Amino acid sequence: MLGPTDPVNESLQQSAGSSSHFGFPDSDDESFHSAKEDTDDTFIYEKSEAESIPEPQLAASSSATSPNISTSNNDRKDPWSIPPITEIKTRKAYSGPSEEAELSQIEAELELTEEELATLKGRSLDEKESGNVHFKKQEYEEAIGRYQNALDICPLRFKSERAVFHSNIAACHFLKQEWEKTVSSCTKAIELNPVYLQALRRRASANDKIGRASALTSALEDYKKVLLLDPSNKEASKAINTLPKRIELRMEEEKEEMMGKLKELGNQFLGMFGMSTDNFQMKQDEKGGYSLNIQK
């Protein structure tokens, strides 16, 4: 478990301290303050703390609180490892277009020196900094473009940095009230860092805004993970208590909506024969079965 003096742990705790930045403040000053807080750069990259703590250590030390993180050296692959060139070529032969592009990028990175990789990483961080400038000015489309540039430049092996870029893109989509895009970007960040507290919270909040039963169910699962990582998180505690009832009600509403659409479709078809669904009545018998009666 991350110790109380661990700088990354302190940053995660600070980021979980308030859920106000997920909302939309009334005043321009508050909106700027929220936008400023919403970038993950302030607690991930201050004094280059991310580079000083390898991701495998973070994943292993967080496994005590996260059921999805294995502590076994046999079960857990090193996130920093790169597949051998022979494995890459074999996988490329059986992969789809998107996976093939990723494998080609990995193959290209194998030809780079450590100095060249570090240079690319530095350029990607410069793009991120430019994105942060736009973000603080509430120029979210421009910020997204810069963060995407950072992803295009940053080598795939730097998973922690790439997770931050995806999460910052999600922050932009969230403030633009683009909930589906927020969920998508957060998911990419979480795939790279399963214990990314900020991304988990933001994805849960976006799914809550989407409001479908399936989205609310996903939000509940994310809030459970948040509470495992941060037991003092009030936002997650409240959501875990209120979401089950909301999910139940929303499922009933969606069921009624579906039945209404089916009835409408049925009436369109039966109308060609001068009938409607009102001509049919379901009747339950003594054994619990149903029979269909046609009424003229």
C-alpha atoms as a PDB file:
ATOM      1  CA  MET A   1       0.000   0.000   0.000  1.00  0.00           C
ATOM      2  CA  LEU A   2       1.226   3.496  -0.752  1.00  0.00           C
ATOM      3  CA  GLY A   3       2.650   5.037   2.371  1.00  0.00           C
ATOM      4  CA  PRO A   4       1.354   8.271   3.922  1.00  0.00           C
ATOM      5  CA  THR A   5       4.485  10.151   2.889  1.00  0.00           C
ATOM      6  CA  ASP A   6       4.497   8.895  -0.690  1.00  0.00           C
ATOM      7  CA  PRO A   7       4.148  11.995  -2.941  1.00  0.00           C
ATOM      8  CA  VAL A   8       1.914  10.184  -5.424  1.00  0.00           C
ATOM      9  CA  ASN A   9      -0.364   8.965  -2.629  1.00  0.00           C
ATOM     10  CA  GLU A  10      -0.596  12.491  -1.202  1.00  0.00           C
ATOM     11  CA  SER A  11      -1.515  13.808  -4.631  1.00  0.00           C
ATOM     12  CA  LEU A  12      -4.222  11.183  -5.115  1.00  0.00           C
ATOM     13  CA  GLN A  13      -5.687  12.029  -1.736  1.00  0.00           C
ATOM     14  CA  GLN A  14      -5.708  15.749  -2.594  1.00  0.00           C
ATOM     15  CA  SER A  15      -7.406  15.074  -5.935  1.00  0.00           C
ATOM     16  CA  ALA A  16     -10.145  13.063  -4.191  1.00  0.00           C
ATOM     17  CA  GLY A  17     -10.802  15.729  -1.582  1.00  0.00           C
ATOM     18  CA  SER A  18     -13.550  17.534  -3.476  1.00  0.00           C
ATOM     19  CA  SER A  19     -16.033  16.640  -6.194  1.00  0.00           C
ATOM     20  CA  SER A  20     -16.979  20.262  -6.941  1.00  0.00           C
ATOM     21  CA  HIS A  21     -14.805  20.461 -10.049  1.00  0.00           C
ATOM     22  CA  PHE A  22     -17.039  17.902 -11.752  1.00  0.00           C
ATOM     23  CA  GLY A  23     -19.915  20.387 -11.831  1.00  0.00           C
ATOM     24  CA  PHE A  24     -20.480  23.542 -13.821  1.00  0.00           C
ATOM     25  CA  PRO A  25     -20.017  26.659 -11.630  1.00  0.00           C
ATOM     26  CA  ASP A  26     -22.289  29.676 -12.057  1.00  0.00           C
ATOM     27  CA  SER A  27     -19.618  32.385 -12.212  1.00  0.00           C
ATOM     28  CA  ASP A  28     -16.792  32.784 -14.726  1.00  0.00           C
ATOM     29  CA  ASP A  29     -14.250  32.997 -11.916  1.00  0.00           C
ATOM     30  CA  GLU A  30     -15.402  29.684 -10.454  1.00  0.00           C
ATOM     31  CA  SER A  31     -15.395  28.111 -13.899  1.00  0.00           C
ATOM     32  CA  PHE A  32     -11.800  29.162 -14.464  1.00  0.00           C
ATOM     33  CA  HIS A  33     -10.845  27.811 -11.043  1.00  0.00           C
ATOM     34  CA  SER A  34     -12.526  24.506 -11.796  1.00  0.00           C
ATOM     35  CA  ALA A  35     -10.870  24.250 -15.196  1.00  0.00           C
ATOM     36  CA  LYS A  36      -7.512  24.950 -13.611  1.00  0.00           C
ATOM     37  CA  GLU A  37      -7.988  22.186 -11.060  1.00  0.00           C
ATOM     38  CA  ASP A  38      -9.339  19.674 -13.559  1.00  0.00           C
ATOM     39  CA  THR A  39      -6.064  19.031 -15.393  1.00  0.00           C
ATOM     40  CA  ASP A  40      -4.204  16.081 -13.950  1.00  0.00           C
ATOM     41  CA  ASP A  41      -0.845  17.715 -14.581  1.00  0.00           C
ATOM     42  CA  THR A  42      -0.760  19.535 -11.243  1.00  0.00           C
ATOM     43  CA  PHE A  43      -0.644  16.377  -9.126  1.00  0.00           C
ATOM     44  CA  ILE A  44       0.979  13.919 -11.521  1.00  0.00           C
ATOM     45  CA  TYR A  45       3.895  15.872 -12.924  1.00  0.00           C
ATOM     46  CA  GLU A  46       4.909  18.395 -10.302  1.00  0.00           C
ATOM     47  CA  LYS A  47       8.684  17.994  -9.767  1.00  0.00           C
ATOM     48  CA  SER A  48       8.633  15.012 -12.173  1.00  0.00           C
ATOM     49  CA  GLU A  49       7.341  12.703  -9.442  1.00  0.00           C
ATOM     50  CA  ALA A  50       5.834  10.326 -12.017  1.00  0.00           C
ATOM     51  CA  GLU A  51       9.242   9.601 -13.506  1.00  0.00           C
ATOM     52  CA  SER A  52      10.732   8.877 -10.082  1.00  0.00           C
ATOM     53  CA  ILE A  53       8.257   6.083  -9.264  1.00  0.00           C
ATOM     54  CA  PRO A  54       8.078   3.313 -11.909  1.00  0.00           C
ATOM     55  CA  GLU A  55       4.560   2.195 -12.734  1.00  0.00           C
ATOM     56  CA  PRO A  56       5.181  -1.458 -11.771  1.00  0.00           C
ATOM     57  CA  GLN A  57       5.875  -0.282  -8.212  1.00  0.00           C
ATOM     58  CA  LEU A  58       2.675   1.753  -8.182  1.00  0.00           C
ATOM     59  CA  ALA A  59       0.609  -1.161  -9.475  1.00  0.00           C
ATOM     60  CA  ALA A  60       2.136  -3.632  -7.027  1.00  0.00           C
ATOM     61  CA  SER A  61       1.839  -1.355  -4.009  1.00  0.00           C
ATOM     62  CA  SER A  62      -1.773  -0.530  -4.826  1.00  0.00           C
ATOM     63  CA  SER A  63      -2.807  -4.163  -5.189  1.00  0.00           C
ATOM     64  CA  ALA A  64      -3.783  -4.467  -1.548  1.00  0.00           C
ATOM     65  CA  THR A  65      -6.690  -2.095  -2.123  1.00  0.00           C
ATOM     66  CA  SER A  66      -7.603  -2.966  -5.699  1.00  0.00           C
ATOM     67  CA  PRO A  67      -9.005  -6.438  -6.468  1.00  0.00           C
ATOM     68  CA  ASN A  68      -8.044  -6.078 -10.137  1.00  0.00           C
ATOM     69  CA  ILE A  69      -4.291  -5.721  -9.512  1.00  0.00           C
ATOM     70  CA  SER A  70      -2.317  -8.936  -9.059  1.00  0.00           C
ATOM     71  CA  THR A  71       0.690  -8.978  -6.734  1.00  0.00           C
ATOM     72  CA  SER A  72       2.086 -12.204  -8.156  1.00  0.00           C
ATOM     73  CA  ASN A  73       5.184 -11.845 -10.301  1.00  0.00           C
ATOM     74  CA  ASN A  74       3.979 -14.821 -12.328  1.00  0.00           C
ATOM     75  CA  ASP A  75       0.553 -13.295 -13.012  1.00  0.00           C
ATOM     76  CA  ARG A  76       1.518  -9.661 -13.601  1.00  0.00           C
ATOM     77  CA  LYS A  77       3.453  -8.603 -16.685  1.00  0.00           C
ATOM     78  CA  ASP A  78       5.881  -5.707 -16.464  1.00  0.00           C
ATOM     79  CA  PRO A  79       4.013  -2.685 -17.906  1.00  0.00           C
ATOM     80  CA  TRP A  80       7.305  -1.310 -19.204  1.00  0.00           C
ATOM     81  CA  SER A  81       8.275  -4.420 -21.168  1.00  0.00           C
ATOM     82  CA  ILE A  82       8.146  -4.556 -24.975  1.00  0.00           C
ATOM     83  CA  PRO A  83       7.339  -7.824 -26.820  1.00  0.00           C
ATOM     84  CA  PRO A  84      10.244  -9.425 -28.712  1.00  0.00           C
ATOM     85  CA  ILE A  85      10.407  -8.528 -32.392  1.00  0.00           C
ATOM     86  CA  THR A  86       9.485 -12.099 -33.454  1.00  0.00           C
ATOM     87  CA  GLU A  87       6.332 -11.990 -31.325  1.00  0.00           C
ATOM     88  CA  ILE A  88       5.385  -8.612 -32.782  1.00  0.00           C
ATOM     89  CA  LYS A  89       5.705  -9.878 -36.363  1.00  0.00           C
ATOM     90  CA  THR A  90       3.641 -12.985 -35.550  1.00  0.00           C
ATOM     91  CA  ARG A  91       0.896 -10.933 -33.909  1.00  0.00           C
ATOM     92  CA  LYS A  92       0.817  -8.498 -36.836  1.00  0.00           C
ATOM     93  CA  ALA A  93      -0.061 -11.363 -39.183  1.00  0.00           C
ATOM     94  CA  TYR A  94      -3.283 -12.066 -37.226  1.00  0.00           C
ATOM     95  CA  SER A  95      -4.233  -8.584 -36.002  1.00  0.00           C
ATOM     96  CA  GLY A  96      -6.837  -6.073 -37.170  1.00  0.00           C
ATOM     97  CA  PRO A  97      -5.999  -2.634 -38.626  1.00  0.00           C
ATOM     98  CA  SER A  98      -5.938  -0.791 -35.284  1.00  0.00           C
ATOM     99  CA  GLU A  99      -3.837  -3.395 -33.466  1.00  0.00           C
ATOM    100  CA  GLU A 100      -1.525  -3.685 -36.463  1.00  0.00           C
ATOM    101  CA  ALA A 101      -0.871   0.067 -36.339  1.00  0.00           C
ATOM    102  CA  GLU A 102       0.015  -0.197 -32.644  1.00  0.00           C
ATOM    103  CA  LEU A 103       2.308  -3.163 -33.253  1.00  0.00           C
ATOM    104  CA  SER A 104       4.008  -1.279 -36.076  1.00  0.00           C
ATOM    105  CA  GLN A 105       4.615   1.620 -33.702  1.00  0.00           C
ATOM    106  CA  ILE A 106       6.106  -0.719 -31.096  1.00  0.00           C
ATOM    107  CA  GLU A 107       8.309  -2.251 -33.778  1.00  0.00           C
ATOM    108  CA  ALA A 108       9.488   1.212 -34.848  1.00  0.00           C
ATOM    109  CA  GLU A 109      10.244   2.169 -31.240  1.00  0.00           C
ATOM    110  CA  LEU A 110      12.516  -0.860 -30.899  1.00  0.00           C
ATOM    111  CA  GLU A 111      14.833   0.789 -33.416  1.00  0.00           C
ATOM    112  CA  LEU A 112      15.151   3.964 -31.310  1.00  0.00           C
ATOM    113  CA  THR A 113      17.875   4.656 -28.772  1.00  0.00           C
ATOM    114  CA  GLU A 114      17.069   5.557 -25.174  1.00  0.00           C
ATOM    115  CA  GLU A 115      18.105   9.131 -25.941  1.00  0.00           C
ATOM    116  CA  GLU A 116      15.726   9.312 -28.897  1.00  0.00           C
ATOM    117  CA  LEU A 117      12.889   7.875 -26.810  1.00  0.00           C
ATOM    118  CA  ALA A 118      13.574  10.434 -24.079  1.00  0.00           C
ATOM    119  CA  THR A 119      13.520  13.216 -26.678  1.00  0.00           C
ATOM    120  CA  LEU A 120      10.112  12.096 -27.944  1.00  0.00           C
ATOM    121  CA  LYS A 121       8.831  11.922 -24.390  1.00  0.00           C
ATOM    122  CA  GLY A 122      10.071  15.466 -23.765  1.00  0.00           C
ATOM    123  CA  ARG A 123       8.349  16.750 -26.895  1.00  0.00           C
ATOM    124  CA  SER A 124       5.096  15.098 -25.847  1.00  0.00           C
ATOM    125  CA  LEU A 125       5.293  16.767 -22.435  1.00  0.00           C
ATOM    126  CA  ASP A 126       5.840  20.121 -24.167  1.00  0.00           C
ATOM    127  CA  GLU A 127       2.646  19.526 -26.151  1.00  0.00           C
ATOM    128  CA  LYS A 128       0.845  18.693 -22.923  1.00  0.00           C
ATOM    129  CA  GLU A 129       2.034  21.950 -21.363  1.00  0.00           C
ATOM    130  CA  SER A 130       0.677  23.845 -24.379  1.00  0.00           C
ATOM    131  CA  GLY A 131      -2.596  21.988 -23.923  1.00  0.00           C
ATOM    132  CA  ASN A 132      -2.725  23.053 -20.289  1.00  0.00           C
ATOM    133  CA  VAL A 133      -2.355  26.708 -21.333  1.00  0.00           C
ATOM    134  CA  HIS A 134      -5.376  26.376 -23.628  1.00  0.00           C
ATOM    135  CA  PHE A 135      -7.258  24.435 -20.952  1.00  0.00           C
ATOM    136  CA  LYS A 136      -6.856  27.224 -18.402  1.00  0.00           C
ATOM    137  CA  LYS A 137      -8.202  29.676 -20.994  1.00  0.00           C
ATOM    138  CA  GLN A 138     -11.193  27.354 -21.462  1.00  0.00           C
ATOM    139  CA  GLU A 139     -10.130  26.759 -25.076  1.00  0.00           C
ATOM    140  CA  TYR A 140     -11.017  23.098 -24.882  1.00  0.00           C
ATOM    141  CA  GLU A 141     -10.873  22.151 -28.573  1.00  0.00           C
ATOM    142  CA  GLU A 142      -7.384  23.627 -28.849  1.00  0.00           C
ATOM    143  CA  ALA A 143      -6.381  21.818 -25.654  1.00  0.00           C
ATOM    144  CA  ILE A 144      -7.680  18.507 -27.011  1.00  0.00           C
ATOM    145  CA  GLY A 145      -5.600  19.017 -30.146  1.00  0.00           C
ATOM    146  CA  ARG A 146      -2.446  19.561 -28.092  1.00  0.00           C
ATOM    147  CA  TYR A 147      -3.092  16.556 -25.852  1.00  0.00           C
ATOM    148  CA  GLN A 148      -3.716  14.430 -28.947  1.00  0.00           C
ATOM    149  CA  ASN A 149      -0.421  15.673 -30.402  1.00  0.00           C
ATOM    150  CA  ALA A 150       1.230  14.550 -27.171  1.00  0.00           C
ATOM    151  CA  LEU A 151      -0.257  11.070 -27.616  1.00  0.00           C
ATOM    152  CA  ASP A 152       0.876  10.918 -31.241  1.00  0.00           C
ATOM    153  CA  ILE A 153       4.451  11.780 -30.232  1.00  0.00           C
ATOM    154  CA  CYS A 154       4.827   9.898 -26.941  1.00  0.00           C
ATOM    155  CA  PRO A 155       6.293   6.361 -27.236  1.00  0.00           C
ATOM    156  CA  LEU A 156       3.893   3.610 -26.176  1.00  0.00           C
ATOM    157  CA  ARG A 157       6.190   2.413 -23.397  1.00  0.00           C
ATOM    158  CA  PHE A 158       5.500   5.567 -21.350  1.00  0.00           C
ATOM    159  CA  LYS A 159       2.147   4.345 -20.082  1.00  0.00           C
ATOM    160  CA  SER A 160       1.845   6.725 -17.132  1.00  0.00           C
ATOM    161  CA  GLU A 161       2.344   9.804 -19.305  1.00  0.00           C
ATOM    162  CA  ARG A 162      -0.060   8.545 -21.969  1.00  0.00           C
ATOM    163  CA  ALA A 163      -2.688   7.874 -19.294  1.00  0.00           C
ATOM    164  CA  VAL A 164      -2.448  11.523 -18.220  1.00  0.00           C
ATOM    165  CA  PHE A 165      -2.865  12.753 -21.797  1.00  0.00           C
ATOM    166  CA  HIS A 166      -6.021  10.653 -22.223  1.00  0.00           C
ATOM    167  CA  SER A 167      -7.369  11.841 -18.872  1.00  0.00           C
ATOM    168  CA  ASN A 168      -6.763  15.487 -19.771  1.00  0.00           C
ATOM    169  CA  ILE A 169      -8.651  14.969 -23.036  1.00  0.00           C
ATOM    170  CA  ALA A 170     -11.472  13.497 -20.934  1.00  0.00           C
ATOM    171  CA  ALA A 171     -11.432  16.606 -18.732  1.00  0.00           C
ATOM    172  CA  CYS A 172     -11.975  18.770 -21.820  1.00  0.00           C
ATOM    173  CA  HIS A 173     -14.870  16.622 -23.035  1.00  0.00           C
ATOM    174  CA  PHE A 174     -16.402  16.681 -19.555  1.00  0.00           C
ATOM    175  CA  LEU A 175     -16.419  20.467 -19.402  1.00  0.00           C
ATOM    176  CA  LYS A 176     -17.941  20.512 -22.905  1.00  0.00           C
ATOM    177  CA  GLN A 177     -20.658  18.190 -21.545  1.00  0.00           C
ATOM    178  CA  GLU A 178     -19.677  15.493 -24.052  1.00  0.00           C
ATOM    179  CA  TRP A 179     -20.365  12.567 -21.762  1.00  0.00           C
ATOM    180  CA  GLU A 180     -19.822   9.665 -24.178  1.00  0.00           C
ATOM    181  CA  LYS A 181     -16.462  11.051 -25.315  1.00  0.00           C
ATOM    182  CA  THR A 182     -15.511  11.608 -21.670  1.00  0.00           C
ATOM    183  CA  VAL A 183     -16.189   7.949 -20.894  1.00  0.00           C
ATOM    184  CA  SER A 184     -14.180   6.816 -23.927  1.00  0.00           C
ATOM    185  CA  SER A 185     -11.108   8.900 -23.036  1.00  0.00           C
ATOM    186  CA  CYS A 186     -11.267   7.919 -19.364  1.00  0.00           C
ATOM    187  CA  THR A 187     -11.436   4.252 -20.337  1.00  0.00           C
ATOM    188  CA  LYS A 188      -8.239   4.621 -22.378  1.00  0.00           C
ATOM    189  CA  ALA A 189      -6.523   6.231 -19.384  1.00  0.00           C
ATOM    190  CA  ILE A 190      -7.716   3.495 -17.020  1.00  0.00           C
ATOM    191  CA  GLU A 191      -6.543   0.752 -19.386  1.00  0.00           C
ATOM    192  CA  LEU A 192      -3.046   2.197 -19.034  1.00  0.00           C
ATOM    193  CA  ASN A 193      -3.332   2.790 -15.278  1.00  0.00           C
ATOM    194  CA  PRO A 194      -6.107   0.753 -13.570  1.00  0.00           C
ATOM    195  CA  VAL A 195      -5.703   2.661 -10.275  1.00  0.00           C
ATOM    196  CA  TYR A 196      -6.025   6.114 -11.863  1.00  0.00           C
ATOM    197  CA  LEU A 197      -8.347   7.658  -9.290  1.00  0.00           C
ATOM    198  CA  GLN A 198      -9.100  10.877 -11.174  1.00  0.00           C
ATOM    199  CA  ALA A 199     -10.035   9.010 -14.359  1.00  0.00           C
ATOM    200  CA  LEU A 200     -12.246   6.567 -12.434  1.00  0.00           C
ATOM    201  CA  ARG A 201     -14.101   9.419 -10.743  1.00  0.00           C
ATOM    202  CA  ARG A 202     -14.528  11.357 -13.966  1.00  0.00           C
ATOM    203  CA  ARG A 203     -15.785   8.300 -15.875  1.00  0.00           C
ATOM    204  CA  ALA A 204     -18.265   7.533 -13.107  1.00  0.00           C
ATOM    205  CA  SER A 205     -19.522  11.116 -13.127  1.00  0.00           C
ATOM    206  CA  ALA A 206     -19.896  11.128 -16.926  1.00  0.00           C
ATOM    207  CA  ASN A 207     -21.821   7.838 -16.877  1.00  0.00           C
ATOM    208  CA  ASP A 208     -24.052   9.313 -14.195  1.00  0.00           C
ATOM    209  CA  LYS A 209     -24.776  12.225 -16.556  1.00  0.00           C
ATOM    210  CA  ILE A 210     -25.578   9.825 -19.424  1.00  0.00           C
ATOM    211  CA  GLY A 211     -28.255   8.343 -17.194  1.00  0.00           C
ATOM    212  CA  ARG A 212     -29.071   5.084 -18.981  1.00  0.00           C
ATOM    213  CA  ALA A 213     -29.402   2.018 -16.774  1.00  0.00           C
ATOM    214  CA  SER A 214     -26.258   0.475 -18.248  1.00  0.00           C
ATOM    215  CA  ALA A 215     -24.318   3.727 -17.762  1.00  0.00           C
ATOM    216  CA  LEU A 216     -25.501   4.072 -14.160  1.00  0.00           C
ATOM    217  CA  THR A 217     -24.444   0.472 -13.518  1.00  0.00           C
ATOM    218  CA  SER A 218     -20.974   1.256 -14.872  1.00  0.00           C
ATOM    219  CA  ALA A 219     -20.840   4.367 -12.695  1.00  0.00           C
ATOM    220  CA  LEU A 220     -21.659   2.264  -9.631  1.00  0.00           C
ATOM    221  CA  GLU A 221     -18.815  -0.150 -10.403  1.00  0.00           C
ATOM    222  CA  ASP A 222     -16.362   2.726 -10.819  1.00  0.00           C
ATOM    223  CA  TYR A 223     -17.460   4.346  -7.564  1.00  0.00           C
ATOM    224  CA  LYS A 224     -16.858   1.038  -5.783  1.00  0.00           C
ATOM    225  CA  LYS A 225     -13.294   1.042  -7.126  1.00  0.00           C
ATOM    226  CA  VAL A 226     -12.858   4.667  -6.065  1.00  0.00           C
ATOM    227  CA  LEU A 227     -13.928   3.767  -2.544  1.00  0.00           C
ATOM    228  CA  LEU A 228     -11.409   0.918  -2.451  1.00  0.00           C
ATOM    229  CA  LEU A 229      -8.641   3.332  -3.427  1.00  0.00           C
ATOM    230  CA  ASP A 230      -9.910   6.190  -1.264  1.00  0.00           C
ATOM    231  CA  PRO A 231     -12.214   5.016   1.572  1.00  0.00           C
ATOM    232  CA  SER A 232     -12.800   8.622   2.688  1.00  0.00           C
ATOM    233  CA  ASN A 233     -14.254   9.726  -0.661  1.00  0.00           C
ATOM    234  CA  LYS A 234     -17.682  11.193   0.148  1.00  0.00           C
ATOM    235  CA  GLU A 235     -18.776  11.427  -3.479  1.00  0.00           C
ATOM    236  CA  ALA A 236     -18.289   7.683  -3.982  1.00  0.00           C
ATOM    237  CA  SER A 237     -19.908   6.800  -0.644  1.00  0.00           C
ATOM    238  CA  LYS A 238     -23.019   8.798  -1.492  1.00  0.00           C
ATOM    239  CA  ALA A 239     -23.236   7.369  -5.014  1.00  0.00           C
ATOM    240  CA  ILE A 240     -22.970   3.774  -3.797  1.00  0.00           C
ATOM    241  CA  ASN A 241     -25.964   4.395  -1.517  1.00  0.00           C
ATOM    242  CA  THR A 242     -28.153   6.166  -4.091  1.00  0.00           C
ATOM    243  CA  LEU A 243     -27.303   4.523  -7.422  1.00  0.00           C
ATOM    244  CA  PRO A 244     -28.869   1.053  -6.846  1.00  0.00           C
ATOM    245  CA  LYS A 245     -32.358   2.560  -6.485  1.00  0.00           C
ATOM    246  CA  ARG A 246     -31.810   4.885  -9.450  1.00  0.00           C
ATOM    247  CA  ILE A 247     -30.677   1.929 -11.565  1.00  0.00           C
ATOM    248  CA  GLU A 248     -33.790  -0.050 -10.614  1.00  0.00           C
ATOM    249  CA  LEU A 249     -36.112   2.841 -11.496  1.00  0.00           C
ATOM    250  CA  ARG A 250     -34.317   3.557 -14.753  1.00  0.00           C
ATOM    251  CA  MET A 251     -34.531  -0.105 -15.797  1.00  0.00           C
ATOM    252  CA  GLU A 252     -38.300  -0.008 -15.270  1.00  0.00           C
ATOM    253  CA  GLU A 253     -38.551   3.196 -17.308  1.00  0.00           C
ATOM    254  CA  GLU A 254     -36.518   1.708 -20.141  1.00  0.00           C
ATOM    255  CA  LYS A 255     -38.665  -1.430 -20.049  1.00  0.00           C
ATOM    256  CA  GLU A 256     -41.821   0.664 -20.414  1.00  0.00           C
ATOM    257  CA  GLU A 257     -40.228   2.694 -23.204  1.00  0.00           C
ATOM    258  CA  MET A 258     -39.305  -0.495 -25.051  1.00  0.00           C
ATOM    259  CA  MET A 259     -42.805  -1.947 -24.670  1.00  0.00           C
ATOM    260  CA  GLY A 260     -44.250   1.319 -25.951  1.00  0.00           C
ATOM    261  CA  LYS A 261     -42.060   1.187 -29.049  1.00  0.00           C
ATOM    262  CA  LEU A 262     -42.957  -2.468 -29.645  1.00  0.00           C
ATOM    263  CA  LYS A 263     -46.640  -1.621 -29.362  1.00  0.00           C
ATOM    264  CA  GLU A 264     -46.237   1.231 -31.826  1.00  0.00           C
ATOM    265  CA  LEU A 265     -44.433  -1.059 -34.268  1.00  0.00           C
ATOM    266  CA  GLY A 266     -47.102  -3.725 -33.818  1.00  0.00           C
ATOM    267  CA  ASN A 267     -49.884  -1.227 -34.505  1.00  0.00           C
ATOM    268  CA  GLN A 268     -48.177  -0.144 -37.730  1.00  0.00           C
ATOM    269  CA  PHE A 269     -48.109  -3.753 -38.933  1.00  0.00           C
ATOM    270  CA  LEU A 270     -51.580  -4.744 -37.698  1.00  0.00           C
ATOM    271  CA  GLY A 271     -53.048  -1.542 -39.105  1.00  0.00           C
ATOM    272  CA  MET A 272     -52.649  -2.993 -42.592  1.00  0.00           C
ATOM    273  CA  PHE A 273     -55.237  -5.623 -41.562  1.00  0.00           C
ATOM    274  CA  GLY A 274     -57.581  -3.214 -39.812  1.00  0.00           C
ATOM    275  CA  MET A 275     -56.428  -4.305 -36.360  1.00  0.00           C
ATOM    276  CA  SER A 276     -54.282  -3.009 -33.491  1.00  0.00           C
ATOM    277  CA  THR A 277     -52.561  -4.403 -30.424  1.00  0.00           C
ATOM    278  CA  ASP A 278     -55.691  -3.457 -28.472  1.00  0.00           C
ATOM    279  CA  ASN A 279     -57.415  -6.389 -30.212  1.00  0.00           C
ATOM    280  CA  PHE A 280     -55.158  -8.799 -28.334  1.00  0.00           C
ATOM    281  CA  GLN A 281     -55.371  -9.533 -24.618  1.00  0.00           C
ATOM    282  CA  MET A 282     -53.020 -11.649 -22.502  1.00  0.00           C
ATOM    283  CA  LYS A 283     -54.832 -13.694 -19.842  1.00  0.00           C
ATOM    284  CA  GLN A 284     -53.116 -15.666 -17.087  1.00  0.00           C
ATOM    285  CA  ASP A 285     -54.517 -19.109 -16.258  1.00  0.00           C
ATOM    286  CA  GLU A 286     -54.595 -20.932 -12.909  1.00  0.00           C
ATOM    287  CA  LYS A 287     -51.243 -22.649 -13.559  1.00  0.00           C
ATOM    288  CA  GLY A 288     -49.449 -19.351 -14.149  1.00  0.00           C
ATOM    289  CA  GLY A 289     -49.367 -19.668 -17.923  1.00  0.00           C
ATOM    290  CA  TYR A 290     -50.700 -17.120 -20.394  1.00  0.00           C
ATOM    291  CA  SER A 291     -53.143 -17.371 -23.258  1.00  0.00           C
ATOM    292  CA  LEU A 292     -53.717 -14.839 -26.026  1.00  0.00           C
ATOM    293  CA  ASN A 293     -57.315 -13.785 -26.669  1.00  0.00           C
ATOM    294  CA  ILE A 294     -58.384 -11.888 -29.771  1.00  0.00           C
ATOM    295  CA  GLN A 295     -61.081  -9.287 -29.225  1.00  0.00           C
ATOM    296  CA  LYS A 296     -63.145  -7.976 -32.126  1.00  0.00           C
END
